[in-house]
């Protein structure tokens, strides 16, 4: 049986405009410029750049704000044209003061042209005599080389792919033979299938000597013991002295484990970081500025405003004119919202970064990471009375230029731990001290995690061994056994 009933329900929904604003806040400077360019291309009522003040008698500061109604349900007679036209000679946004960087000049970083790593390898193959089948296999193998210079696929998989995608039916022996040819290309070690093979290829291309031959023997017969740094076992197995082992290891350490990275002509796009903020020390105090490229000059199109004037002055309004004014209203409203969203974005970025700067004032004045205070997103959100998600959007994707280098803002956030005096200290401070202790440890007998925990406790940081192990892994430092040097 069907029934009708009323139900009251409280819910909170973000409007499309609020969602778009959150997306704008999250964008770093370069992505924001692309979004700005896209909006200028899509909305002809929006224009960028500076314009003389006398041309702004048509500014639309008094646009009405109840824009929840679909434009198709509004007739042209319902639109108050005067709301879109203003007699102000100078719009309010030209009179406001902004604490933005004056460095708003667009600086494009040129990229050097060049051929790809794979094309570089193919060009070398042109100097090698190969049959048609061998050339096709070699070309496929070169295409399988990754940016590090390795082929990380089994020969059996390559055999199947050659049959299915290239219509080449061969055998594993032929592929192995062609692979040996590809591995003779430069840079040395390219097209290896493992680190061991990569190092051996490079060693075998070196001039023969006792230490090179010993290094080859160690990699071929004792690779596992070598990687685990069981030096005593290596000395016994190969019947050599400690000095001979040290010379062989030194030879191996000179090799390149990633031959693809040594190709100087590699034209991979390198990310160019544009700082969103700049912090300077002026007369002992901190000065924050927002990159000028985040504060573009935007205004409504004069032509669109003139179109509205023409409609208002027309005595007989045709249907096409009414359709046109509805279109103009839609574009002007979109332009008004976008300009307001840009202004809100600027304010949000500046307020958030200013709170972070003041919270970490001691660090920004000294540059010493040990002065970083424990800080989580909620600390800043409470400070500026904004949502944690808004602070997260600013911190995760923005960079700040400081006297100590350009840093990702989220790197200044860290959890807290208590020292032996009961004071809250940043985990970054503990990691810095841990890094220093490991750097100064005896290389022949590195400190274990238990010993590191004891040293930190002596310095006033009572943390457990498993916590030391976690911090060490976060710092990308191997265990004591792998830090050992002969």
Protein backbone atom coordinates (compact mmCIF):
# COMPACT_ATOMS: atom_id res chain seq x y z
CA UNK A 1 0.00 0.00 0.00
CA UNK A 2 1.42 3.36 -1.02
CA UNK A 3 1.51 6.16 1.52
CA UNK A 4 2.55 9.78 1.42
CA UNK A 5 4.26 11.35 4.38
CA UNK A 6 6.46 14.35 5.22
CA UNK A 7 9.94 13.86 6.58
CA UNK A 8 12.22 16.60 7.88
CA UNK A 9 15.91 16.03 7.44
CA UNK A 10 18.96 18.19 8.12
CA UNK A 11 21.72 17.84 5.57
CA UNK A 12 24.70 19.83 4.45
CA UNK A 13 25.58 19.98 0.79
CA UNK A 14 28.36 21.82 -0.98
CA UNK A 15 27.25 23.96 -3.89
CA UNK A 16 29.03 23.52 -7.24
CA UNK A 17 30.67 26.91 -6.63
CA UNK A 18 32.05 25.80 -3.24
CA UNK A 19 33.42 22.61 -4.77
CA UNK A 20 35.11 24.59 -7.54
CA UNK A 21 36.58 26.99 -4.96
CA UNK A 22 38.09 24.06 -3.03
CA UNK A 23 39.63 22.80 -6.26
CA UNK A 24 41.07 26.25 -6.99
CA UNK A 25 42.63 26.44 -3.51
CA UNK A 26 44.30 23.07 -4.02
CA UNK A 27 45.99 24.08 -7.28
CA UNK A 28 49.67 25.10 -7.15
CA UNK A 29 50.77 28.17 -9.09
CA UNK A 30 51.46 26.56 -12.47
CA UNK A 31 48.28 24.48 -12.46
CA UNK A 32 46.33 27.57 -11.35
CA UNK A 33 47.67 29.52 -14.33
CA UNK A 34 46.46 26.74 -16.65
CA UNK A 35 43.02 26.81 -14.99
CA UNK A 36 42.91 30.60 -15.35
CA UNK A 37 43.84 30.36 -19.02
CA UNK A 38 41.10 27.76 -19.57
CA UNK A 39 38.46 29.98 -17.93
CA UNK A 40 39.49 32.99 -20.03
CA UNK A 41 39.17 30.88 -23.18
CA UNK A 42 35.78 29.43 -22.24
CA UNK A 43 34.12 32.59 -20.91
CA UNK A 44 34.24 35.55 -23.35
CA UNK A 45 32.75 37.82 -20.65
CA UNK A 46 35.94 37.46 -18.60
CA UNK A 47 39.08 39.33 -19.57
CA UNK A 48 42.56 39.43 -18.11
CA UNK A 49 45.19 42.15 -17.91
CA UNK A 50 45.06 45.75 -16.85
CA UNK A 51 42.62 48.29 -18.27
CA UNK A 52 42.43 52.06 -17.92
CA UNK A 53 40.17 53.28 -15.12
CA UNK A 54 37.91 55.32 -17.43
CA UNK A 55 36.86 52.15 -19.20
CA UNK A 56 35.28 50.73 -16.06
CA UNK A 57 32.06 52.73 -15.92
CA UNK A 58 30.35 49.43 -16.74
CA UNK A 59 31.73 47.44 -13.77
CA UNK A 60 29.30 45.00 -12.19
CA UNK A 61 30.06 45.18 -8.47
CA UNK A 62 26.34 45.01 -7.58
CA UNK A 63 25.51 41.67 -9.15
CA UNK A 64 22.73 40.00 -7.19
CA UNK A 65 23.76 36.90 -5.30
CA UNK A 66 20.75 34.55 -5.42
CA UNK A 67 21.99 32.49 -8.35
CA UNK A 68 20.40 29.13 -7.49
CA UNK A 69 17.76 29.36 -10.27
CA UNK A 70 18.33 27.72 -13.62
CA UNK A 71 18.80 30.34 -16.36
CA UNK A 72 16.30 28.62 -18.63
CA UNK A 73 13.47 29.38 -16.19
CA UNK A 74 14.25 33.13 -16.16
CA UNK A 75 12.80 35.41 -18.78
CA UNK A 76 14.66 38.40 -20.09
CA UNK A 77 12.11 40.73 -18.44
CA UNK A 78 13.02 39.25 -15.02
CA UNK A 79 16.61 40.47 -15.30
CA UNK A 80 17.36 43.86 -13.79
CA UNK A 81 19.90 45.23 -16.24
CA UNK A 82 20.88 48.02 -13.83
CA UNK A 83 22.21 45.37 -11.43
CA UNK A 84 24.86 44.51 -14.02
CA UNK A 85 25.83 48.11 -14.78
CA UNK A 86 27.56 50.51 -12.42
CA UNK A 87 28.35 54.20 -12.67
CA UNK A 88 31.50 53.86 -10.56
CA UNK A 89 34.51 55.24 -12.37
CA UNK A 90 36.94 53.01 -10.49
CA UNK A 91 35.96 49.46 -9.44
CA UNK A 92 36.66 48.48 -5.82
CA UNK A 93 39.19 45.78 -6.67
CA UNK A 94 41.53 48.41 -8.14
CA UNK A 95 41.63 50.28 -4.84
CA UNK A 96 42.45 47.36 -2.55
CA UNK A 97 45.96 46.80 -1.18
CA UNK A 98 47.46 43.37 -1.61
CA UNK A 99 50.47 41.95 0.16
CA UNK A 100 51.55 40.01 -2.90
CA UNK A 101 54.97 39.62 -4.40
CA UNK A 102 55.80 42.13 -7.09
CA UNK A 103 57.43 39.31 -8.99
CA UNK A 104 54.39 38.72 -11.20
CA UNK A 105 56.41 38.53 -14.38
CA UNK A 106 55.68 35.30 -16.23
CA UNK A 107 58.84 33.27 -16.34
CA UNK A 108 58.76 30.31 -18.68
CA UNK A 109 61.55 27.79 -18.27
CA UNK A 110 62.83 26.61 -21.65
CA UNK A 111 63.44 22.91 -22.09
CA UNK A 112 66.30 21.62 -24.19
CA UNK A 113 65.23 19.64 -27.21
CA UNK A 114 66.68 16.20 -27.71
CA UNK A 115 66.00 12.63 -28.64
CA UNK A 116 64.58 10.08 -26.25
CA UNK A 117 66.68 7.43 -24.53
CA UNK A 118 65.10 4.66 -26.62
CA UNK A 119 65.74 6.57 -29.86
CA UNK A 120 69.34 7.09 -28.76
CA UNK A 121 69.72 3.30 -28.46
CA UNK A 122 68.03 2.70 -31.84
CA UNK A 123 70.40 5.13 -33.51
CA UNK A 124 73.32 3.03 -32.25
CA UNK A 125 71.72 -0.13 -33.63
CA UNK A 126 71.91 1.38 -37.12
CA UNK A 127 75.68 0.85 -37.00
CA UNK A 128 75.30 -2.89 -36.29
CA UNK A 129 74.74 -5.43 -39.06
CA UNK A 130 71.55 -7.37 -38.31
CA UNK A 131 69.16 -9.48 -40.36
CA UNK A 132 65.56 -8.29 -40.71
CA UNK A 133 64.37 -10.65 -37.99
CA UNK A 134 67.22 -9.70 -35.66
CA UNK A 135 66.55 -6.01 -36.24
CA UNK A 136 62.86 -6.45 -35.34
CA UNK A 137 63.77 -8.34 -32.16
CA UNK A 138 66.45 -5.77 -31.23
CA UNK A 139 64.00 -2.91 -31.82
CA UNK A 140 61.44 -4.61 -29.57
CA UNK A 141 64.08 -5.18 -26.85
CA UNK A 142 65.12 -1.51 -26.99
CA UNK A 143 61.45 -0.56 -26.62
CA UNK A 144 61.31 -2.69 -23.48
CA UNK A 145 64.17 -0.79 -21.80
CA UNK A 146 62.84 1.39 -18.96
CA UNK A 147 64.13 4.82 -17.95
CA UNK A 148 66.65 3.25 -15.54
CA UNK A 149 68.16 1.24 -18.41
CA UNK A 150 66.80 -2.19 -17.43
CA UNK A 151 64.65 -4.80 -19.17
CA UNK A 152 62.47 -6.01 -16.33
CA UNK A 153 60.57 -8.73 -18.22
CA UNK A 154 61.30 -12.44 -18.57
CA UNK A 155 62.50 -13.67 -21.97
CA UNK A 156 59.44 -15.95 -22.14
CA UNK A 157 57.10 -12.94 -21.91
CA UNK A 158 59.06 -11.11 -24.63
CA UNK A 159 58.84 -14.24 -26.80
CA UNK A 160 55.03 -14.29 -26.48
CA UNK A 161 54.70 -10.54 -27.13
CA UNK A 162 56.81 -10.79 -30.29
CA UNK A 163 54.45 -13.46 -31.59
CA UNK A 164 51.19 -11.72 -30.65
CA UNK A 165 52.03 -8.07 -31.36
CA UNK A 166 54.80 -8.21 -33.99
CA UNK A 167 53.93 -11.50 -35.72
CA UNK A 168 57.53 -12.66 -35.16
CA UNK A 169 57.93 -16.34 -34.29
CA UNK A 170 61.35 -17.13 -32.85
CA UNK A 171 62.89 -18.91 -29.86
CA UNK A 172 64.45 -17.87 -26.54
CA UNK A 173 67.99 -18.67 -27.75
CA UNK A 174 67.67 -16.16 -30.61
CA UNK A 175 66.31 -13.50 -28.27
CA UNK A 176 69.19 -14.13 -25.84
CA UNK A 177 71.70 -13.78 -28.68
CA UNK A 178 70.17 -10.48 -29.88
CA UNK A 179 69.98 -9.26 -26.28
CA UNK A 180 73.76 -9.69 -25.96
CA UNK A 181 74.13 -7.37 -28.98
CA UNK A 182 71.81 -4.76 -27.43
CA UNK A 183 73.78 -4.96 -24.17
CA UNK A 184 76.90 -3.80 -26.06
CA UNK A 185 75.29 -0.40 -26.66
CA UNK A 186 76.09 2.69 -24.63
CA UNK A 187 75.73 3.58 -21.83
CA UNK A 188 77.48 0.49 -20.39
CA UNK A 189 75.11 -1.80 -18.50
CA UNK A 190 72.02 -0.94 -20.55
CA UNK A 191 69.39 -3.65 -21.22
CA UNK A 192 70.43 -5.69 -18.18
CA UNK A 193 67.77 -7.82 -16.52
CA UNK A 194 69.09 -7.47 -12.97
CA UNK A 195 71.49 -5.39 -10.93
CA UNK A 196 74.00 -8.24 -10.92
CA UNK A 197 73.95 -8.48 -14.72
CA UNK A 198 74.16 -4.68 -15.06
CA UNK A 199 77.30 -4.49 -12.90
CA UNK A 200 78.92 -7.46 -14.63
CA UNK A 201 78.37 -5.93 -18.09
CA UNK A 202 80.16 -2.78 -16.96
CA UNK A 203 83.04 -4.66 -15.32
CA UNK A 204 83.63 -6.85 -18.38
CA UNK A 205 84.00 -3.73 -20.53
CA UNK A 206 86.75 -2.41 -18.28
CA UNK A 207 90.42 -2.99 -18.89
CA UNK A 208 91.52 -6.30 -17.32
CA UNK A 209 93.31 -6.05 -13.97
CA UNK A 210 93.51 -8.20 -10.79
CA UNK A 211 90.98 -6.06 -8.91
CA UNK A 212 88.53 -6.05 -11.85
CA UNK A 213 88.80 -9.83 -12.21
CA UNK A 214 88.25 -10.25 -8.47
CA UNK A 215 85.22 -7.95 -8.61
CA UNK A 216 83.77 -10.07 -11.45
CA UNK A 217 84.38 -13.26 -9.45
CA UNK A 218 82.69 -11.81 -6.37
CA UNK A 219 79.59 -10.77 -8.34
CA UNK A 220 79.37 -14.06 -10.23
CA UNK A 221 79.99 -16.44 -7.31
CA UNK A 222 79.13 -14.47 -4.16
CA UNK A 223 76.59 -11.79 -5.10
CA UNK A 224 74.27 -12.56 -2.17
CA UNK A 225 77.11 -12.40 0.37
CA UNK A 226 78.37 -9.19 -1.23
CA UNK A 227 74.98 -7.45 -0.96
CA UNK A 228 74.68 -8.52 2.68
CA UNK A 229 78.22 -7.30 3.37
CA UNK A 230 79.51 -10.58 4.80
CA UNK A 231 83.10 -9.48 4.29
CA UNK A 232 84.74 -12.21 6.41
CA UNK A 233 83.00 -14.93 4.37
CA UNK A 234 84.13 -13.26 1.12
CA UNK A 235 87.75 -13.16 2.32
CA UNK A 236 87.64 -16.87 3.23
CA UNK A 237 85.77 -18.01 0.12
CA UNK A 238 88.01 -16.21 -2.37
CA UNK A 239 91.19 -16.62 -0.31
CA UNK A 240 92.10 -12.94 -0.48
CA UNK A 241 93.36 -10.27 1.89
CA UNK A 242 91.28 -7.45 3.32
CA UNK A 243 93.13 -4.94 1.14
CA UNK A 244 92.35 -6.93 -2.02
CA UNK A 245 88.68 -7.11 -1.05
CA UNK A 246 88.63 -3.37 -0.36
CA UNK A 247 90.10 -2.68 -3.84
CA UNK A 248 87.52 -4.94 -5.55
CA UNK A 249 84.62 -3.37 -3.65
CA UNK A 250 85.93 0.08 -4.53
CA UNK A 251 85.86 -0.95 -8.21
CA UNK A 252 82.25 -2.11 -7.91
CA UNK A 253 81.18 1.06 -6.11
CA UNK A 254 82.36 3.13 -9.08
CA UNK A 255 79.83 1.40 -11.36
CA UNK A 256 76.47 2.91 -12.30
CA UNK A 257 73.50 0.87 -11.01
CA UNK A 258 71.09 2.89 -13.21
CA UNK A 259 72.72 3.31 -16.64
CA UNK A 260 69.60 4.95 -18.08
CA UNK A 261 69.98 7.84 -15.68
CA UNK A 262 73.42 8.64 -17.08
CA UNK A 263 72.03 9.55 -20.51
CA UNK A 264 72.44 13.33 -20.59
CA UNK A 265 70.24 13.73 -23.65
CA UNK A 266 67.22 12.19 -21.96
CA UNK A 267 64.39 14.63 -22.60
CA UNK A 268 62.15 13.66 -19.73
CA UNK A 269 60.28 16.70 -18.49
CA UNK A 270 61.79 17.87 -15.23
CA UNK A 271 59.29 19.38 -12.86
CA UNK A 272 59.92 23.08 -12.34
CA UNK A 273 58.76 24.15 -8.90
CA UNK A 274 57.28 27.64 -8.71
CA UNK A 275 57.05 28.82 -5.08
CA UNK A 276 53.54 29.96 -4.14
CA UNK A 277 54.85 32.03 -1.22
CA UNK A 278 58.02 33.85 -0.30
CA UNK A 279 59.34 34.44 3.22
CA UNK A 280 62.08 36.98 3.83
CA UNK A 281 63.81 38.19 6.98
CA UNK A 282 63.63 42.00 7.11
CA UNK A 283 65.27 43.74 10.07
CA UNK A 284 64.94 40.65 12.24
CA UNK A 285 61.30 40.05 11.44
CA UNK A 286 59.54 37.77 8.95
CA UNK A 287 57.85 39.11 5.84
CA UNK A 288 55.42 36.93 3.86
CA UNK A 289 54.31 37.57 0.29
CA UNK A 290 52.14 35.61 -2.13
CA UNK A 291 53.52 34.97 -5.60
CA UNK A 292 52.06 37.66 -7.88
CA UNK A 293 51.12 35.00 -10.42
CA UNK A 294 48.43 33.90 -7.95
CA UNK A 295 46.84 37.36 -8.06
CA UNK A 296 45.89 38.00 -11.69
CA UNK A 297 44.13 41.13 -12.97
CA UNK A 298 40.62 40.15 -14.09
CA UNK A 299 37.62 42.21 -15.17
CA UNK A 300 34.35 41.89 -17.05
CA UNK A 301 34.36 42.40 -20.80
CA UNK A 302 33.41 45.92 -21.86
CA UNK A 303 31.73 44.57 -24.98
CA UNK A 304 29.41 42.37 -22.94
CA UNK A 305 28.41 45.26 -20.71
CA UNK A 306 27.74 47.37 -23.81
CA UNK A 307 25.49 44.59 -25.11
CA UNK A 308 23.39 44.86 -21.95
CA UNK A 309 23.21 48.64 -22.37
CA UNK A 310 22.03 48.17 -25.94
CA UNK A 311 19.29 45.78 -24.80
CA UNK A 312 18.19 48.16 -22.07
CA UNK A 313 17.94 51.11 -24.47
CA UNK A 314 16.14 49.16 -27.20
CA UNK A 315 12.43 50.00 -27.47
CA UNK A 316 11.31 46.91 -29.35
CA UNK A 317 12.99 43.84 -27.93
CA UNK A 318 13.05 40.88 -30.33
CA UNK A 319 13.11 37.22 -29.28
CA UNK A 320 16.70 36.87 -30.43
CA UNK A 321 17.68 39.84 -28.25
CA UNK A 322 15.96 38.23 -25.26
CA UNK A 323 17.80 34.95 -25.88
CA UNK A 324 21.03 36.88 -26.17
CA UNK A 325 20.56 38.71 -22.87
CA UNK A 326 19.98 35.38 -21.10
CA UNK A 327 23.27 34.10 -22.53
CA UNK A 328 25.04 37.31 -21.49
CA UNK A 329 23.59 37.03 -17.96
CA UNK A 330 24.95 33.48 -17.66
CA UNK A 331 28.45 34.50 -18.77
CA UNK A 332 28.53 37.62 -16.58
CA UNK A 333 27.43 35.63 -13.54
CA UNK A 334 30.16 33.06 -14.23
CA UNK A 335 32.73 35.85 -14.61
CA UNK A 336 31.57 37.50 -11.36
CA UNK A 337 31.80 34.19 -9.47
CA UNK A 338 35.23 33.37 -10.87
CA UNK A 339 36.67 36.76 -9.91
CA UNK A 340 35.23 36.36 -6.40
CA UNK A 341 36.63 32.81 -6.18
CA UNK A 342 40.10 34.05 -7.17
CA UNK A 343 39.90 36.70 -4.46
CA UNK A 344 38.83 34.13 -1.86
CA UNK A 345 41.64 31.82 -2.98
CA UNK A 346 44.21 34.57 -2.50
CA UNK A 347 42.90 35.39 0.97
CA UNK A 348 42.76 31.73 2.05
CA UNK A 349 46.31 31.02 0.86
CA UNK A 350 47.75 34.10 2.53
CA UNK A 351 45.92 33.66 5.85
CA UNK A 352 46.88 29.96 6.07
CA UNK A 353 50.56 30.48 5.24
CA UNK A 354 50.77 33.47 7.58
CA UNK A 355 49.52 31.30 10.44
CA UNK A 356 52.06 28.58 9.60
CA UNK A 357 54.86 31.16 9.42
CA UNK A 358 53.99 32.62 12.82
CA UNK A 359 53.60 29.15 14.36
CA UNK A 360 57.09 28.17 13.14
CA UNK A 361 58.61 31.63 13.58
CA UNK A 362 61.71 30.40 15.43
CA UNK A 363 62.53 27.97 12.62
CA UNK A 364 62.06 30.53 9.83
CA UNK A 365 64.33 32.98 11.66
CA UNK A 366 67.12 30.44 12.22
CA UNK A 367 66.72 27.70 9.58
CA UNK A 368 67.52 25.06 12.22
CA UNK A 369 65.15 22.09 11.82
CA UNK A 370 65.58 21.35 15.51
CA UNK A 371 63.53 24.50 16.12
CA UNK A 372 60.52 23.12 14.25
CA UNK A 373 57.58 22.97 16.64
CA UNK A 374 55.22 19.98 16.57
CA UNK A 375 52.38 21.07 14.29
CA UNK A 376 49.38 19.24 12.89
CA UNK A 377 46.70 20.44 10.49
CA UNK A 378 44.22 21.03 13.31
CA UNK A 379 46.60 23.48 15.03
CA UNK A 380 46.51 25.80 12.01
CA UNK A 381 42.80 25.17 11.31
CA UNK A 382 41.93 26.27 14.86
CA UNK A 383 44.22 29.29 14.54
CA UNK A 384 42.53 30.65 11.39
CA UNK A 385 39.04 29.24 12.13
CA UNK A 386 38.90 27.16 8.94
CA UNK A 387 38.28 23.51 8.21
CA UNK A 388 41.16 21.02 8.45
CA UNK A 389 40.54 19.97 4.83
CA UNK A 390 41.16 23.56 3.65
CA UNK A 391 44.51 23.69 5.46
CA UNK A 392 45.36 20.29 3.99
CA UNK A 393 44.67 21.55 0.46
CA UNK A 394 47.04 24.46 0.98
CA UNK A 395 49.78 22.40 2.66
CA UNK A 396 49.85 19.38 0.35
CA UNK A 397 50.45 21.15 -2.94
CA UNK A 398 52.12 24.48 -2.22
CA UNK A 399 55.77 25.50 -1.94
CA UNK A 400 57.35 28.36 -0.02
CA UNK A 401 60.61 30.10 -0.89
CA UNK A 402 62.62 30.68 2.28
CA UNK A 403 66.18 31.89 2.96
CA UNK A 404 67.02 28.20 3.43
CA UNK A 405 65.62 26.91 0.15
CA UNK A 406 62.26 26.14 -1.44
CA UNK A 407 60.24 23.73 0.69
CA UNK A 408 56.94 21.87 0.42
CA UNK A 409 54.68 23.33 3.10
CA UNK A 410 53.46 19.96 4.35
CA UNK A 411 57.05 19.17 5.37
CA UNK A 412 56.67 21.62 8.25
CA UNK A 413 53.93 19.51 9.79
CA UNK A 414 54.94 16.80 12.26
CA UNK A 415 53.64 14.94 15.26
CA UNK A 416 54.89 15.50 18.77
CA UNK A 417 56.66 13.39 21.38
CA UNK A 418 57.64 14.22 24.92
CA UNK A 419 61.28 14.45 25.98
CA UNK A 420 62.61 13.49 29.40
CA UNK A 421 61.58 16.92 30.72
CA UNK A 422 57.97 16.43 29.67
CA UNK A 423 58.19 19.00 26.85
CA UNK A 424 56.58 18.41 23.47
CA UNK A 425 59.20 18.08 20.74
CA UNK A 426 58.74 17.53 17.01
CA UNK A 427 59.44 14.10 15.57
CA UNK A 428 61.42 15.96 12.90
CA UNK A 429 63.81 17.15 15.60
CA UNK A 430 64.35 13.54 16.76
CA UNK A 431 64.90 12.36 13.17
CA UNK A 432 67.48 15.11 12.63
CA UNK A 433 69.41 14.05 15.73
CA UNK A 434 69.13 10.37 14.71
CA UNK A 435 70.50 11.22 11.28
CA UNK A 436 73.43 13.08 12.85
CA UNK A 437 74.25 10.18 15.21
CA UNK A 438 74.27 7.68 12.33
CA UNK A 439 76.42 9.98 10.19
CA UNK A 440 79.07 10.16 12.92
CA UNK A 441 79.01 6.45 13.86
CA UNK A 442 82.09 4.21 13.34
CA UNK A 443 81.80 2.84 9.79
CA UNK A 444 83.43 -0.50 10.57
CA UNK A 445 80.98 -1.17 13.40
CA UNK A 446 77.69 0.69 12.80
CA UNK A 447 75.30 1.25 15.69
CA UNK A 448 72.35 -1.14 16.07
CA UNK A 449 68.82 0.17 16.64
CA UNK A 450 69.10 -0.77 20.34
CA UNK A 451 72.29 1.27 20.67
CA UNK A 452 70.73 4.19 18.80
CA UNK A 453 67.75 4.10 21.16
CA UNK A 454 70.14 4.22 24.13
CA UNK A 455 72.02 7.22 22.68
CA UNK A 456 68.78 9.10 22.04
CA UNK A 457 67.66 8.36 25.59
CA UNK A 458 70.94 9.83 26.88
CA UNK A 459 70.24 12.96 24.83
CA UNK A 460 66.83 13.30 26.47
CA UNK A 461 64.58 11.51 23.97
CA UNK A 462 63.25 8.29 25.56
CA UNK A 463 61.93 6.37 22.55
CA UNK A 464 61.66 2.63 21.97
CA UNK A 465 63.85 0.59 19.62
CA UNK A 466 60.94 -0.09 17.23
CA UNK A 467 60.34 3.68 17.01
CA UNK A 468 64.01 4.19 16.13
CA UNK A 469 63.64 1.54 13.41
CA UNK A 470 60.55 3.33 12.02
CA UNK A 471 62.29 6.72 11.92
CA UNK A 472 65.40 5.15 10.35
CA UNK A 473 63.29 3.62 7.58
CA UNK A 474 61.51 6.96 7.00
CA UNK A 475 64.94 8.55 6.58
CA UNK A 476 65.78 5.80 4.06
CA UNK A 477 68.75 4.59 6.16
CA UNK A 478 69.49 0.83 6.03
CA UNK A 479 70.05 -1.43 9.04
CA UNK A 480 73.44 -1.48 10.79
CA UNK A 481 74.71 -4.54 8.90
CA UNK A 482 74.19 -2.86 5.52
CA UNK A 483 75.85 0.38 6.68
CA UNK A 484 79.05 -1.51 7.46
CA UNK A 485 82.17 -0.51 5.53
CA UNK A 486 85.42 -2.47 5.32
